[in-house]
């Protein structure tokens, strides 16, 4: 048996309720809901009172629509699949003046969210002047030829950092929104705030929704936050399949990746990088019987842990646990919360859904 990923569905629902604090929220469920499972996450978030979802994939948007007829489903990435957008009643991003000029006829009747580039600069309008060109052109068209301006949005790429850039991008975005205020335009959805921004500022002026990702799944966007606000609803563990005694200078693993510096014991655990454990994660520790032990080598299907005489064959070995949080290793530099989740290999791991909380 390889690793086991357990997800507590009740805790996932509770976490969503807790982190959004009653504020209307768009749940980001891209990339298989951060690898939690799209169906699991959407149904849990619906139960938590969320009725709007965002993804980057048309395939995922279609799957969401099959689960909920009346939710707003928003495609974060630009698309040209306009027939599918209409068939599924999706909302799409309007990412640039050039995109509008190329596809203005195809956009007729489609709900769009105008995107602002901001400091993140991945996509979006650079300034309100470009938006005014679009709005002016729309005003000259017959009503049946126009798109429906449903929303405004941007992405805060610096909200989890404290170097002053977040304050700049927030100010620029609010200045961009002021242009719509001057024109007395009030879309149904105004959303820019990821978990980090929302925790720092609450709902920003002029906003109707948050757009939360990693916080819904129980991970902190930056260090120093209260564990009680972010409760991790999953565990990843495997088991000890063998205990070996090693003499000083004895090598083990690929190319002798671990060489004992003294007589010691090691546990062979049946989980490895083929199951999605990052090599950087394996530079740290694991949890066995409530105690931390160093991981000393990682292989495709196994890892080696230096242990003591209290560890035995069959003991559970936790990679992630409420006492060994994923975000702890984010802050140690292993990789972003989403990166650590995205690598988990569902083809080799056993996934178990519980309702324990």
Protein backbone atom coordinates (compact mmCIF):
# COMPACT_ATOMS: atom_id res chain seq x y z
CA UNK A 1 0.00 0.00 0.00
CA UNK A 2 1.28 3.44 -0.90
CA UNK A 3 0.34 6.76 0.68
CA UNK A 4 -3.16 7.65 1.85
CA UNK A 5 -4.68 11.10 1.48
CA UNK A 6 -7.66 11.65 3.78
CA UNK A 7 -9.94 14.66 3.39
CA UNK A 8 -12.47 15.53 6.06
CA UNK A 9 -15.47 16.81 4.11
CA UNK A 10 -17.20 18.32 7.13
CA UNK A 11 -14.04 20.20 8.01
CA UNK A 12 -13.78 21.46 4.42
CA UNK A 13 -17.32 22.88 4.70
CA UNK A 14 -16.56 24.40 8.10
CA UNK A 15 -13.35 25.95 6.83
CA UNK A 16 -15.16 27.60 3.94
CA UNK A 17 -17.77 29.03 6.32
CA UNK A 18 -15.08 30.21 8.70
CA UNK A 19 -12.75 31.95 6.27
CA UNK A 20 -15.31 33.83 4.21
CA UNK A 21 -16.93 35.33 7.33
CA UNK A 22 -20.36 35.65 5.74
CA UNK A 23 -19.08 37.75 2.82
CA UNK A 24 -20.32 36.76 -0.67
CA UNK A 25 -17.52 34.72 -2.16
CA UNK A 26 -16.36 33.34 -5.48
CA UNK A 27 -14.63 30.03 -4.76
CA UNK A 28 -11.56 29.35 -6.87
CA UNK A 29 -11.72 25.67 -7.82
CA UNK A 30 -9.18 25.57 -10.63
CA UNK A 31 -6.84 22.62 -11.18
CA UNK A 32 -9.23 20.04 -9.72
CA UNK A 33 -9.95 22.35 -6.77
CA UNK A 34 -6.29 22.60 -5.77
CA UNK A 35 -6.18 18.80 -6.18
CA UNK A 36 -8.80 18.24 -3.47
CA UNK A 37 -11.23 17.03 -6.13
CA UNK A 38 -13.56 19.29 -8.10
CA UNK A 39 -16.82 17.53 -7.26
CA UNK A 40 -15.95 17.25 -3.57
CA UNK A 41 -14.99 20.92 -3.30
CA UNK A 42 -17.89 22.39 -5.28
CA UNK A 43 -20.47 20.39 -3.33
CA UNK A 44 -18.80 21.29 -0.02
CA UNK A 45 -18.67 24.98 -0.90
CA UNK A 46 -22.28 25.00 -2.05
CA UNK A 47 -23.16 23.58 1.37
CA UNK A 48 -21.08 26.37 2.93
CA UNK A 49 -23.27 28.96 1.21
CA UNK A 50 -21.04 29.81 -1.77
CA UNK A 51 -22.84 30.19 -5.09
CA UNK A 52 -20.13 31.42 -7.45
CA UNK A 53 -17.10 29.56 -8.78
CA UNK A 54 -14.01 30.37 -10.80
CA UNK A 55 -11.71 28.12 -12.80
CA UNK A 56 -9.22 28.38 -15.64
CA UNK A 57 -10.55 25.36 -17.55
CA UNK A 58 -13.58 25.11 -19.82
CA UNK A 59 -13.72 21.39 -19.05
CA UNK A 60 -13.93 22.13 -15.32
CA UNK A 61 -16.48 24.89 -15.93
CA UNK A 62 -18.70 22.38 -17.71
CA UNK A 63 -18.34 19.94 -14.81
CA UNK A 64 -19.30 22.68 -12.34
CA UNK A 65 -22.36 23.59 -14.38
CA UNK A 66 -23.53 19.98 -14.21
CA UNK A 67 -23.41 20.24 -10.41
CA UNK A 68 -25.20 23.57 -10.11
CA UNK A 69 -27.67 25.20 -12.48
CA UNK A 70 -27.89 28.62 -10.89
CA UNK A 71 -24.34 29.43 -9.77
CA UNK A 72 -22.18 31.99 -11.53
CA UNK A 73 -19.32 30.08 -13.16
CA UNK A 74 -16.44 32.30 -14.23
CA UNK A 75 -13.60 31.44 -16.59
CA UNK A 76 -10.47 33.21 -15.37
CA UNK A 77 -8.52 32.51 -18.56
CA UNK A 78 -9.49 34.09 -21.90
CA UNK A 79 -11.44 31.78 -24.18
CA UNK A 80 -12.62 31.78 -27.77
CA UNK A 81 -15.04 28.86 -27.26
CA UNK A 82 -18.01 31.18 -27.44
CA UNK A 83 -20.57 28.53 -28.43
CA UNK A 84 -19.70 26.49 -25.33
CA UNK A 85 -19.82 29.62 -23.17
CA UNK A 86 -23.37 30.31 -24.34
CA UNK A 87 -24.48 26.69 -24.05
CA UNK A 88 -23.20 26.44 -20.47
CA UNK A 89 -24.20 29.98 -19.45
CA UNK A 90 -20.67 30.86 -18.33
CA UNK A 91 -19.14 34.21 -17.49
CA UNK A 92 -15.79 35.01 -19.05
CA UNK A 93 -12.94 37.43 -18.58
CA UNK A 94 -12.49 40.37 -20.94
CA UNK A 95 -8.70 40.55 -20.81
CA UNK A 96 -7.63 43.35 -23.14
CA UNK A 97 -8.57 45.94 -25.73
CA UNK A 98 -6.96 43.81 -28.45
CA UNK A 99 -9.10 40.80 -27.47
CA UNK A 100 -12.23 42.94 -27.60
CA UNK A 101 -11.37 44.39 -30.99
CA UNK A 102 -10.86 40.89 -32.40
CA UNK A 103 -13.90 39.19 -30.88
CA UNK A 104 -16.44 41.99 -30.34
CA UNK A 105 -19.07 40.35 -32.54
CA UNK A 106 -18.70 36.93 -30.88
CA UNK A 107 -19.15 38.51 -27.43
CA UNK A 108 -22.77 39.54 -28.09
CA UNK A 109 -24.98 38.52 -25.17
CA UNK A 110 -22.14 36.98 -23.14
CA UNK A 111 -21.53 37.98 -19.52
CA UNK A 112 -18.03 39.43 -19.17
CA UNK A 113 -15.84 40.55 -16.27
CA UNK A 114 -13.40 43.27 -17.28
CA UNK A 115 -9.91 42.44 -16.04
CA UNK A 116 -7.32 44.97 -14.84
CA UNK A 117 -3.66 44.03 -15.30
CA UNK A 118 -2.24 45.85 -12.27
CA UNK A 119 1.23 44.99 -11.00
CA UNK A 120 0.66 41.27 -11.63
CA UNK A 121 0.57 42.00 -15.38
CA UNK A 122 -0.47 38.51 -16.41
CA UNK A 123 -3.36 39.80 -18.49
CA UNK A 124 -5.88 42.60 -18.31
CA UNK A 125 -6.46 46.19 -19.37
CA UNK A 126 -3.55 48.50 -18.61
CA UNK A 127 -5.65 51.57 -17.83
CA UNK A 128 -9.19 52.88 -17.69
CA UNK A 129 -8.73 54.76 -20.96
CA UNK A 130 -8.66 51.44 -22.80
CA UNK A 131 -11.88 50.41 -21.05
CA UNK A 132 -13.52 53.68 -22.09
CA UNK A 133 -12.80 52.82 -25.72
CA UNK A 134 -14.64 49.53 -25.28
CA UNK A 135 -17.56 51.10 -23.45
CA UNK A 136 -17.86 53.86 -26.05
CA UNK A 137 -17.91 51.29 -28.85
CA UNK A 138 -20.52 49.24 -27.01
CA UNK A 139 -22.73 52.29 -26.62
CA UNK A 140 -22.83 52.71 -30.40
CA UNK A 141 -24.05 49.14 -30.95
CA UNK A 142 -27.57 47.76 -30.95
CA UNK A 143 -28.46 46.24 -27.58
CA UNK A 144 -28.60 42.71 -29.02
CA UNK A 145 -25.02 43.09 -30.23
CA UNK A 146 -23.56 44.10 -26.87
CA UNK A 147 -21.97 41.99 -24.21
CA UNK A 148 -23.35 42.10 -20.66
CA UNK A 149 -20.96 43.79 -18.23
CA UNK A 150 -21.39 41.50 -15.22
CA UNK A 151 -18.14 42.05 -13.35
CA UNK A 152 -14.78 43.73 -12.74
CA UNK A 153 -11.73 41.94 -11.42
CA UNK A 154 -8.00 41.80 -10.96
CA UNK A 155 -5.47 39.59 -9.21
CA UNK A 156 -3.37 40.80 -6.27
CA UNK A 157 -0.03 39.13 -6.80
CA UNK A 158 1.66 40.70 -3.78
CA UNK A 159 -0.97 40.42 -1.05
CA UNK A 160 1.00 37.75 0.82
CA UNK A 161 4.13 39.92 0.89
CA UNK A 162 4.95 42.90 3.09
CA UNK A 163 7.36 44.89 0.93
CA UNK A 164 4.94 47.69 0.00
CA UNK A 165 3.95 46.36 -3.43
CA UNK A 166 0.54 45.21 -2.26
CA UNK A 167 -0.30 48.72 -1.13
CA UNK A 168 0.66 49.99 -4.59
CA UNK A 169 -1.41 47.43 -6.50
CA UNK A 170 -4.38 47.99 -4.18
CA UNK A 171 -4.22 51.77 -4.72
CA UNK A 172 -3.93 51.35 -8.49
CA UNK A 173 -6.87 48.96 -8.60
CA UNK A 174 -9.11 51.23 -6.52
CA UNK A 175 -8.16 54.08 -8.87
CA UNK A 176 -9.19 51.90 -11.81
CA UNK A 177 -12.55 51.20 -10.14
CA UNK A 178 -13.11 54.93 -9.63
CA UNK A 179 -13.49 55.28 -13.39
CA UNK A 180 -16.59 53.09 -13.29
CA UNK A 181 -17.96 55.09 -10.38
CA UNK A 182 -17.66 58.27 -12.43
CA UNK A 183 -19.70 56.64 -15.17
CA UNK A 184 -22.21 55.31 -12.62
CA UNK A 185 -21.51 51.70 -13.65
CA UNK A 186 -22.14 49.15 -10.88
CA UNK A 187 -21.61 45.54 -12.00
CA UNK A 188 -23.02 42.65 -9.99
CA UNK A 189 -19.56 41.24 -9.27
CA UNK A 190 -16.53 43.29 -8.24
CA UNK A 191 -13.81 40.96 -7.01
CA UNK A 192 -10.08 41.24 -6.57
CA UNK A 193 -9.33 39.85 -3.15
CA UNK A 194 -7.60 36.55 -2.62
CA UNK A 195 -7.30 35.08 0.87
CA UNK A 196 -4.25 37.17 1.81
CA UNK A 197 -5.87 40.47 0.79
CA UNK A 198 -9.16 39.65 2.51
CA UNK A 199 -7.48 38.66 5.78
CA UNK A 200 -5.41 41.87 5.71
CA UNK A 201 -8.13 44.36 4.76
CA UNK A 202 -11.57 42.84 5.02
CA UNK A 203 -13.79 43.55 2.02
CA UNK A 204 -12.40 46.52 0.11
CA UNK A 205 -14.58 49.56 -0.76
CA UNK A 206 -16.71 49.08 -3.84
CA UNK A 207 -16.36 45.31 -3.78
CA UNK A 208 -19.25 42.86 -3.83
CA UNK A 209 -17.37 39.56 -3.40
CA UNK A 210 -14.12 38.04 -2.29
CA UNK A 211 -12.46 35.52 -4.62
CA UNK A 212 -10.88 32.99 -2.31
CA UNK A 213 -8.58 30.12 -3.13
CA UNK A 214 -6.12 28.51 -0.74
CA UNK A 215 -7.83 29.77 2.43
CA UNK A 216 -10.95 27.77 1.59
CA UNK A 217 -8.79 24.66 1.69
CA UNK A 218 -7.35 25.41 5.11
CA UNK A 219 -3.90 26.82 4.37
CA UNK A 220 -2.57 30.18 5.51
CA UNK A 221 -1.57 32.68 2.81
CA UNK A 222 1.24 34.07 4.96
CA UNK A 223 2.84 33.24 8.31
CA UNK A 224 1.75 34.53 11.69
CA UNK A 225 -1.96 33.87 11.22
CA UNK A 226 -4.06 31.99 13.76
CA UNK A 227 -4.35 28.24 13.24
CA UNK A 228 -7.95 28.43 14.44
CA UNK A 229 -8.91 30.50 11.39
CA UNK A 230 -7.22 28.09 9.00
CA UNK A 231 -7.94 24.47 9.90
CA UNK A 232 -6.28 21.97 7.58
CA UNK A 233 -8.94 19.44 6.49
CA UNK A 234 -6.61 16.76 5.16
CA UNK A 235 -3.77 14.42 6.11
CA UNK A 236 -1.20 12.59 4.00
CA UNK A 237 0.42 9.53 5.51
CA UNK A 238 1.94 6.18 4.73
CA UNK A 239 3.42 3.44 6.88
CA UNK A 240 6.70 1.91 7.91
CA UNK A 241 7.28 -1.26 5.86
CA UNK A 242 10.67 -2.16 7.34
CA UNK A 243 13.14 -1.15 10.07
CA UNK A 244 16.84 -1.47 9.28
CA UNK A 245 19.90 -1.16 11.49
CA UNK A 246 22.75 0.73 9.84
CA UNK A 247 26.43 0.69 10.67
CA UNK A 248 28.54 3.83 10.51
CA UNK A 249 29.35 4.85 6.90
CA UNK A 250 26.77 2.41 5.48
CA UNK A 251 25.12 3.87 2.33
CA UNK A 252 21.45 3.57 1.41
CA UNK A 253 19.26 4.80 -1.44
CA UNK A 254 20.01 5.83 -5.01
CA UNK A 255 23.74 6.46 -5.37
CA UNK A 256 24.15 6.19 -1.61
CA UNK A 257 22.00 9.27 -1.08
CA UNK A 258 22.11 8.64 2.66
CA UNK A 259 25.29 7.56 4.43
CA UNK A 260 24.99 6.85 8.13
CA UNK A 261 27.29 9.03 10.21
CA UNK A 262 26.95 6.61 13.12
CA UNK A 263 25.21 3.39 14.05
CA UNK A 264 21.53 4.18 13.70
CA UNK A 265 18.08 2.87 12.80
CA UNK A 266 16.09 3.86 9.73
CA UNK A 267 12.49 3.25 8.73
CA UNK A 268 11.62 2.44 5.11
CA UNK A 269 8.33 4.14 4.27
CA UNK A 270 6.30 3.29 1.16
CA UNK A 271 5.76 6.77 -0.27
CA UNK A 272 8.03 8.77 -2.53
CA UNK A 273 8.34 11.46 -5.16
CA UNK A 274 6.31 9.31 -7.55
CA UNK A 275 3.38 9.84 -5.19
CA UNK A 276 3.90 13.59 -5.27
CA UNK A 277 6.18 14.27 -2.30
CA UNK A 278 8.42 17.16 -3.34
CA UNK A 279 12.15 16.64 -2.97
CA UNK A 280 12.33 19.93 -1.11
CA UNK A 281 9.69 18.65 1.33
CA UNK A 282 11.88 15.61 2.00
CA UNK A 283 14.65 17.87 3.31
CA UNK A 284 12.60 18.23 6.49
CA UNK A 285 10.81 15.91 8.88
CA UNK A 286 7.81 13.63 9.21
CA UNK A 287 5.58 12.71 12.14
CA UNK A 288 5.51 9.23 13.70
CA UNK A 289 3.66 8.48 16.94
CA UNK A 290 3.42 12.19 17.73
CA UNK A 291 7.15 12.82 17.34
CA UNK A 292 9.11 14.36 14.48
CA UNK A 293 11.87 12.41 12.74
CA UNK A 294 14.18 13.56 9.91
CA UNK A 295 13.63 12.30 6.36
CA UNK A 296 17.12 11.42 5.11
CA UNK A 297 16.43 10.20 1.58
CA UNK A 298 13.61 10.22 -0.96
CA UNK A 299 13.13 7.72 -3.76
CA UNK A 300 10.41 7.25 -6.34
CA UNK A 301 8.29 4.89 -4.23
CA UNK A 302 9.95 5.02 -0.81
CA UNK A 303 11.59 7.34 1.63
CA UNK A 304 14.09 6.72 4.41
CA UNK A 305 13.54 8.19 7.87
CA UNK A 306 16.08 8.10 10.67
CA UNK A 307 14.25 6.82 13.76
CA UNK A 308 14.77 5.39 17.24
CA UNK A 309 13.78 2.17 18.96
CA UNK A 310 10.19 3.36 19.59
CA UNK A 311 9.29 3.19 15.90
CA UNK A 312 8.05 -0.13 14.54
CA UNK A 313 6.88 -1.69 11.31
CA UNK A 314 3.31 -0.65 10.53
CA UNK A 315 3.49 2.73 12.30
CA UNK A 316 1.87 5.61 10.46
CA UNK A 317 4.22 8.20 8.99
CA UNK A 318 2.61 11.59 8.37
CA UNK A 319 3.86 13.98 5.69
CA UNK A 320 1.01 16.42 6.38
CA UNK A 321 -1.08 16.46 9.56
CA UNK A 322 -2.86 19.08 11.71
CA UNK A 323 0.35 19.16 13.78
CA UNK A 324 2.49 19.16 10.63
CA UNK A 325 0.71 21.66 8.45
CA UNK A 326 1.30 22.05 4.75
CA UNK A 327 1.73 25.81 5.14
CA UNK A 328 4.51 25.25 7.70
CA UNK A 329 6.60 23.93 4.84
CA UNK A 330 5.45 26.70 2.53
CA UNK A 331 7.01 29.19 4.93
CA UNK A 332 10.16 27.06 5.11
CA UNK A 333 10.57 27.43 1.34
CA UNK A 334 9.39 24.01 0.15
CA UNK A 335 6.97 25.53 -2.34
CA UNK A 336 3.69 27.40 -2.46
CA UNK A 337 0.67 25.86 -0.75
CA UNK A 338 -0.86 25.18 -4.15
CA UNK A 339 2.39 23.73 -5.50
CA UNK A 340 2.61 21.13 -2.74
CA UNK A 341 -1.03 20.16 -3.29
CA UNK A 342 -0.78 20.10 -7.09
CA UNK A 343 1.97 17.48 -7.13
CA UNK A 344 -0.06 14.83 -5.24
CA UNK A 345 -0.46 11.81 -7.52
CA UNK A 346 -3.98 10.44 -7.37
CA UNK A 347 -2.97 7.53 -9.60
CA UNK A 348 -0.82 6.07 -6.82
CA UNK A 349 -2.24 7.57 -3.62
CA UNK A 350 -5.39 6.21 -2.02
CA UNK A 351 -7.90 8.99 -1.46
CA UNK A 352 -10.34 8.64 1.42
CA UNK A 353 -13.18 11.07 2.22
CA UNK A 354 -14.26 11.19 5.86
CA UNK A 355 -16.89 13.12 7.82
CA UNK A 356 -15.24 13.23 11.23
CA UNK A 357 -15.44 16.82 12.43
